[in-house]
Amino acid sequence: MPPIFKALASITAWILWIAGLVMGLSTLIIGIMAGRLFTTEAEPMSYYPISFAVALAYAVSAVVVMLLRKKME
């Protein structure tokens, strides 16, 4: 595999990984500050599960990209 593709795969993986961490942590912080994650009241949760799922998808995508990069060496 040419070095440019290795570099692009590494950059893509790091961008996905950092985006997933930032999105997951910011969703957690916003949910705690708004008082909607750790309350005993039953509120409709539409934004938070979707945001956590997208953050998880970014993190899993980063791992997949790095595994593909390793296999293509």
C-alpha atoms as a PDB file:
ATOM      1  CA  MET A   1       0.000   0.000   0.000  1.00  0.00           C
ATOM      2  CA  PRO A   2       1.423   3.397  -0.930  1.00  0.00           C
ATOM      3  CA  PRO A   3       2.381   5.639   1.988  1.00  0.00           C
ATOM      4  CA  ILE A   4      -0.178   8.294   1.031  1.00  0.00           C
ATOM      5  CA  PHE A   5      -3.039   5.853   1.615  1.00  0.00           C
ATOM      6  CA  LYS A   6      -1.584   4.836   4.976  1.00  0.00           C
ATOM      7  CA  ALA A   7      -1.417   8.482   5.969  1.00  0.00           C
ATOM      8  CA  LEU A   8      -4.967   9.164   4.792  1.00  0.00           C
ATOM      9  CA  ALA A   9      -6.280   6.120   6.648  1.00  0.00           C
ATOM     10  CA  SER A  10      -4.490   7.189   9.834  1.00  0.00           C
ATOM     11  CA  ILE A  11      -5.794  10.754   9.573  1.00  0.00           C
ATOM     12  CA  THR A  12      -9.329   9.505   8.930  1.00  0.00           C
ATOM     13  CA  ALA A  13      -9.174   7.118  11.881  1.00  0.00           C
ATOM     14  CA  TRP A  14      -7.902   9.820  14.229  1.00  0.00           C
ATOM     15  CA  ILE A  15     -10.586  12.278  13.068  1.00  0.00           C
ATOM     16  CA  LEU A  16     -13.321   9.677  13.597  1.00  0.00           C
ATOM     17  CA  TRP A  17     -11.937   8.676  17.004  1.00  0.00           C
ATOM     18  CA  ILE A  18     -11.631  12.251  18.285  1.00  0.00           C
ATOM     19  CA  ALA A  19     -15.054  13.195  16.889  1.00  0.00           C
ATOM     20  CA  GLY A  20     -16.609  10.192  18.632  1.00  0.00           C
ATOM     21  CA  LEU A  21     -14.996  11.035  21.968  1.00  0.00           C
ATOM     22  CA  VAL A  22     -15.915  14.713  21.777  1.00  0.00           C
ATOM     23  CA  MET A  23     -19.482  13.967  20.745  1.00  0.00           C
ATOM     24  CA  GLY A  24     -19.976  11.338  23.440  1.00  0.00           C
ATOM     25  CA  LEU A  25     -18.507  13.452  26.228  1.00  0.00           C
ATOM     26  CA  SER A  26     -20.307  16.619  25.164  1.00  0.00           C
ATOM     27  CA  THR A  27     -23.624  14.738  25.030  1.00  0.00           C
ATOM     28  CA  LEU A  28     -22.969  13.357  28.501  1.00  0.00           C
ATOM     29  CA  ILE A  29     -22.039  16.779  29.905  1.00  0.00           C
ATOM     30  CA  ILE A  30     -25.018  18.519  28.292  1.00  0.00           C
ATOM     31  CA  GLY A  31     -27.355  15.800  29.553  1.00  0.00           C
ATOM     32  CA  ILE A  32     -26.024  16.106  33.094  1.00  0.00           C
ATOM     33  CA  MET A  33     -26.151  19.903  33.056  1.00  0.00           C
ATOM     34  CA  ALA A  34     -29.704  19.880  31.711  1.00  0.00           C
ATOM     35  CA  GLY A  35     -30.655  17.395  34.426  1.00  0.00           C
ATOM     36  CA  ARG A  36     -32.208  14.891  32.050  1.00  0.00           C
ATOM     37  CA  LEU A  37     -29.865  11.914  32.267  1.00  0.00           C
ATOM     38  CA  PHE A  38     -29.799  11.142  35.983  1.00  0.00           C
ATOM     39  CA  THR A  39     -33.289  12.023  37.134  1.00  0.00           C
ATOM     40  CA  THR A  40     -36.049   9.816  38.435  1.00  0.00           C
ATOM     41  CA  GLU A  41     -38.659  11.490  36.232  1.00  0.00           C
ATOM     42  CA  ALA A  42     -39.674   9.747  33.059  1.00  0.00           C
ATOM     43  CA  GLU A  43     -38.911  12.090  30.189  1.00  0.00           C
ATOM     44  CA  PRO A  44     -38.903  11.286  26.518  1.00  0.00           C
ATOM     45  CA  MET A  45     -35.296  10.728  25.520  1.00  0.00           C
ATOM     46  CA  SER A  46     -34.941  11.440  21.860  1.00  0.00           C
ATOM     47  CA  TYR A  47     -31.724  13.429  21.498  1.00  0.00           C
ATOM     48  CA  TYR A  48     -29.383  11.678  23.906  1.00  0.00           C
ATOM     49  CA  PRO A  49     -29.620   8.059  22.684  1.00  0.00           C
ATOM     50  CA  ILE A  50     -29.212   9.174  19.083  1.00  0.00           C
ATOM     51  CA  SER A  51     -26.144  11.246  19.945  1.00  0.00           C
ATOM     52  CA  PHE A  52     -24.589   8.406  21.924  1.00  0.00           C
ATOM     53  CA  ALA A  53     -25.283   6.001  19.042  1.00  0.00           C
ATOM     54  CA  VAL A  54     -23.626   8.322  16.530  1.00  0.00           C
ATOM     55  CA  ALA A  55     -20.621   8.772  18.828  1.00  0.00           C
ATOM     56  CA  LEU A  56     -20.341   4.992  19.160  1.00  0.00           C
ATOM     57  CA  ALA A  57     -20.602   4.611  15.387  1.00  0.00           C
ATOM     58  CA  TYR A  58     -17.742   7.090  14.926  1.00  0.00           C
ATOM     59  CA  ALA A  59     -15.566   5.192  17.401  1.00  0.00           C
ATOM     60  CA  VAL A  60     -16.333   1.815  15.819  1.00  0.00           C
ATOM     61  CA  SER A  61     -15.654   3.266  12.374  1.00  0.00           C
ATOM     62  CA  ALA A  62     -12.264   4.494  13.562  1.00  0.00           C
ATOM     63  CA  VAL A  63     -11.372   1.005  14.792  1.00  0.00           C
ATOM     64  CA  VAL A  64     -12.525  -0.541  11.510  1.00  0.00           C
ATOM     65  CA  VAL A  65     -10.448   1.922   9.481  1.00  0.00           C
ATOM     66  CA  MET A  66      -7.336   1.124  11.528  1.00  0.00           C
ATOM     67  CA  LEU A  67      -7.924  -2.622  11.173  1.00  0.00           C
ATOM     68  CA  LEU A  68      -8.319  -2.235   7.421  1.00  0.00           C
ATOM     69  CA  ARG A  69      -5.150  -0.156   7.300  1.00  0.00           C
ATOM     70  CA  LYS A  70      -3.239  -2.905   9.110  1.00  0.00           C
ATOM     71  CA  LYS A  71      -4.581  -5.601   6.770  1.00  0.00           C
ATOM     72  CA  MET A  72      -3.645  -3.673   3.641  1.00  0.00           C
ATOM     73  CA  GLU A  73       0.054  -3.379   4.589  1.00  0.00           C
END
